[in-house]
Amino acid sequence: MNIDLDQVKLLLEMVGETDISELTIEVDEERITIKKGGASIAGPGQVIHTTHVSDHMPTAAAKSNSAAPAPAPASQAAANTPAADNTDLTPITSPMVGTFYRSPSPSAPKFVEVGDKVSIGQTVCIIEAMKLMNDLPSEIAGKIVKICAENGSTVEYGQQLFLVDTKG
């Protein structure tokens, strides 16, 4: 898909004139997402491990096509950002917009807990996007210090999901 700037401008105007808060267009491996209040473009080269939707996922997975929830209050957003003393911590961030799950099914154990050591390539969570379950492997090794996202919540592209102490 060749991204035509005139078409993008037209899409921006159309989204701006409607109640739509987010519009994603995906063709082959290219995707453009237009959001009111911010925009992101995800292109080819992102590595996403996918598996098919499990019948055992919680009911929140079935609701993923509903309207996006309201943005988090400022106090909650502040809680999701590391404090000044967390400068040695490395975040694991979301590679896409979707629903965050800490385990493969409601009855299964969570992939990681605070205090667990993770290795490179180890699955730390699942992000459901467009009814596909995407395993998120860790790109760093270390100790999980903080889990920044709620199980079953919607996460944004680039949002911190975990904080990892690479020295631990």
Protein backbone atom coordinates (compact mmCIF):
# COMPACT_ATOMS: atom_id res chain seq x y z
CA MET A 1 0.00 0.00 0.00
CA ASN A 2 1.45 3.32 -1.01
CA ILE A 3 0.40 5.88 1.53
CA ASP A 4 -0.99 8.87 -0.34
CA LEU A 5 -0.75 12.00 1.81
CA ASP A 6 -3.85 13.49 0.18
CA GLN A 7 -5.83 10.39 1.16
CA VAL A 8 -4.45 10.59 4.71
CA LYS A 9 -5.50 14.26 4.94
CA LEU A 10 -8.98 13.31 3.70
CA LEU A 11 -9.20 10.50 6.28
CA LEU A 12 -8.08 12.89 9.03
CA GLU A 13 -10.78 15.36 8.05
CA MET A 14 -13.43 12.61 7.92
CA VAL A 15 -12.44 11.23 11.34
CA GLY A 16 -12.41 14.77 12.74
CA GLU A 17 -16.00 15.34 11.59
CA THR A 18 -17.37 12.14 13.16
CA ASP A 19 -17.71 10.54 16.59
CA ILE A 20 -15.10 7.94 15.62
CA SER A 21 -12.17 7.99 18.05
CA GLU A 22 -9.93 5.62 16.10
CA LEU A 23 -9.67 4.31 12.54
CA THR A 24 -7.26 1.57 11.43
CA ILE A 25 -6.70 0.59 7.82
CA GLU A 26 -4.60 -2.48 7.15
CA VAL A 27 -3.51 -3.84 3.78
CA ASP A 28 -1.09 -6.76 3.65
CA GLU A 29 1.67 -5.94 6.15
CA GLU A 30 1.13 -2.17 6.24
CA ARG A 31 -1.18 -0.48 8.71
CA ILE A 32 -2.15 3.10 9.42
CA THR A 33 -4.05 4.05 12.56
CA ILE A 34 -5.65 7.46 12.98
CA LYS A 35 -6.70 8.42 16.49
CA LYS A 36 -8.23 11.60 17.75
CA GLY A 37 -5.64 13.18 20.00
CA GLY A 38 -2.73 11.24 18.48
CA ALA A 39 -1.65 9.10 15.56
CA SER A 40 0.59 6.14 15.02
CA ILE A 41 1.80 4.33 11.97
CA ALA A 42 2.96 0.75 12.18
CA GLY A 43 4.75 -0.58 9.16
CA PRO A 44 6.39 -3.77 8.01
CA GLY A 45 9.26 -5.12 10.03
CA GLN A 46 7.37 -5.53 13.31
CA VAL A 47 7.70 -9.08 14.56
CA ILE A 48 4.41 -10.29 15.96
CA HIS A 49 3.89 -13.89 17.04
CA THR A 50 0.28 -14.90 16.51
CA THR A 51 -1.90 -17.78 17.57
CA HIS A 52 -5.58 -18.36 17.00
CA VAL A 53 -8.26 -17.19 19.41
CA SER A 54 -8.84 -19.66 22.19
CA ASP A 55 -12.36 -20.57 23.27
CA HIS A 56 -11.08 -20.25 26.84
CA MET A 57 -10.34 -16.52 26.76
CA PRO A 58 -12.30 -14.36 29.20
CA THR A 59 -15.44 -12.59 28.07
CA ALA A 60 -13.48 -9.33 27.74
CA ALA A 61 -11.97 -10.83 24.59
CA ALA A 62 -15.41 -11.05 23.04
CA LYS A 63 -15.97 -7.38 23.82
CA SER A 64 -12.84 -6.18 22.04
CA ASN A 65 -14.88 -4.92 19.09
CA SER A 66 -16.87 -2.54 21.29
CA ALA A 67 -16.09 1.15 21.57
CA ALA A 68 -12.75 2.00 23.11
CA PRO A 69 -12.86 2.84 26.82
CA ALA A 70 -12.40 6.41 27.98
CA PRO A 71 -8.80 7.49 28.54
CA ALA A 72 -7.37 6.78 31.98
CA PRO A 73 -7.54 9.60 34.51
CA ALA A 74 -4.33 11.58 34.93
CA SER A 75 -3.67 9.97 38.32
CA GLN A 76 -3.80 6.49 36.78
CA ALA A 77 -1.61 7.58 33.87
CA ALA A 78 0.94 8.90 36.36
CA ALA A 79 0.91 5.52 38.10
CA ASN A 80 1.84 3.85 34.80
CA THR A 81 4.97 5.95 34.32
CA PRO A 82 8.12 5.04 36.17
CA ALA A 83 9.20 7.21 39.07
CA ALA A 84 12.49 9.07 39.00
CA ASP A 85 14.16 6.28 41.03
CA ASN A 86 13.26 3.72 38.32
CA THR A 87 15.82 5.09 35.84
CA ASP A 88 17.73 1.78 35.75
CA LEU A 89 14.60 -0.12 34.71
CA THR A 90 13.87 -1.10 31.12
CA PRO A 91 10.25 -1.18 29.92
CA ILE A 92 8.62 -3.89 27.86
CA THR A 93 6.15 -2.01 25.68
CA SER A 94 3.16 -3.00 23.61
CA PRO A 95 3.91 -3.43 19.89
CA MET A 96 0.25 -2.83 19.00
CA VAL A 97 -3.16 -1.69 20.16
CA GLY A 98 -5.13 -4.53 21.69
CA THR A 99 -6.33 -6.29 24.83
CA PHE A 100 -3.66 -7.29 27.37
CA TYR A 101 -3.81 -10.76 28.94
CA ARG A 102 -1.39 -12.07 31.56
CA SER A 103 -2.21 -15.76 30.94
CA PRO A 104 -3.26 -17.94 27.99
CA SER A 105 -6.65 -18.65 29.60
CA PRO A 106 -8.53 -17.54 32.74
CA SER A 107 -7.67 -20.76 34.58
CA ALA A 108 -4.01 -20.94 33.49
CA PRO A 109 -1.18 -19.50 35.54
CA LYS A 110 0.09 -16.05 34.60
CA PHE A 111 3.10 -15.90 32.28
CA VAL A 112 5.08 -13.74 34.74
CA GLU A 113 4.69 -12.20 38.20
CA VAL A 114 6.57 -9.40 39.95
CA GLY A 115 9.91 -10.84 41.06
CA ASP A 116 10.11 -13.43 38.27
CA LYS A 117 13.24 -13.58 36.14
CA VAL A 118 12.61 -13.48 32.39
CA SER A 119 14.89 -14.45 29.55
CA ILE A 120 15.04 -13.19 25.99
CA GLY A 121 12.29 -14.85 23.93
CA GLN A 122 10.19 -15.84 26.95
CA THR A 123 6.48 -15.04 26.52
CA VAL A 124 5.43 -12.41 29.07
CA CYS A 125 1.83 -11.80 27.96
CA ILE A 126 -0.68 -12.02 25.12
CA ILE A 127 -2.13 -9.06 23.27
CA GLU A 128 -5.36 -9.73 21.40
CA ALA A 129 -5.76 -7.67 18.25
CA MET A 130 -8.42 -8.28 15.59
CA LYS A 131 -9.38 -11.60 17.23
CA LEU A 132 -5.83 -12.92 17.01
CA MET A 133 -3.84 -13.79 20.11
CA ASN A 134 -0.32 -12.38 19.80
CA ASP A 135 2.31 -13.81 22.14
CA LEU A 136 4.67 -11.07 23.30
CA PRO A 137 8.19 -12.40 23.84
CA SER A 138 10.60 -10.45 26.04
CA GLU A 139 13.40 -8.75 24.16
CA ILE A 140 15.41 -8.33 27.37
CA ALA A 141 16.52 -10.51 30.25
CA GLY A 142 16.11 -9.51 33.88
CA LYS A 143 13.70 -9.41 36.82
CA ILE A 144 10.10 -8.17 36.53
CA VAL A 145 9.81 -5.21 38.92
CA LYS A 146 6.38 -3.85 37.98
CA ILE A 147 3.37 -4.88 35.92
CA CYS A 148 2.00 -1.65 34.47
CA ALA A 149 -1.16 -2.90 32.69
CA GLU A 150 -4.33 -4.46 34.08
CA ASN A 151 -5.32 -7.93 32.89
CA GLY A 152 -8.09 -7.63 30.27
CA SER A 153 -7.48 -3.91 29.69
CA THR A 154 -6.97 -2.18 26.37
CA VAL A 155 -3.36 -1.16 25.74
CA GLU A 156 -1.97 1.29 23.21
CA TYR A 157 0.98 1.03 20.85
CA GLY A 158 4.14 1.83 22.84
CA GLN A 159 2.43 1.65 26.25
CA GLN A 160 4.58 0.25 29.06
CA LEU A 161 3.42 -3.21 30.08
CA PHE A 162 6.25 -4.28 32.38
CA LEU A 163 9.30 -2.72 34.00
CA VAL A 164 12.36 -4.98 34.08
CA ASP A 165 15.54 -4.64 36.12
CA THR A 166 18.17 -5.90 33.67
CA LYS A 167 20.75 -6.06 36.47
CA GLY A 168 18.52 -8.28 38.64
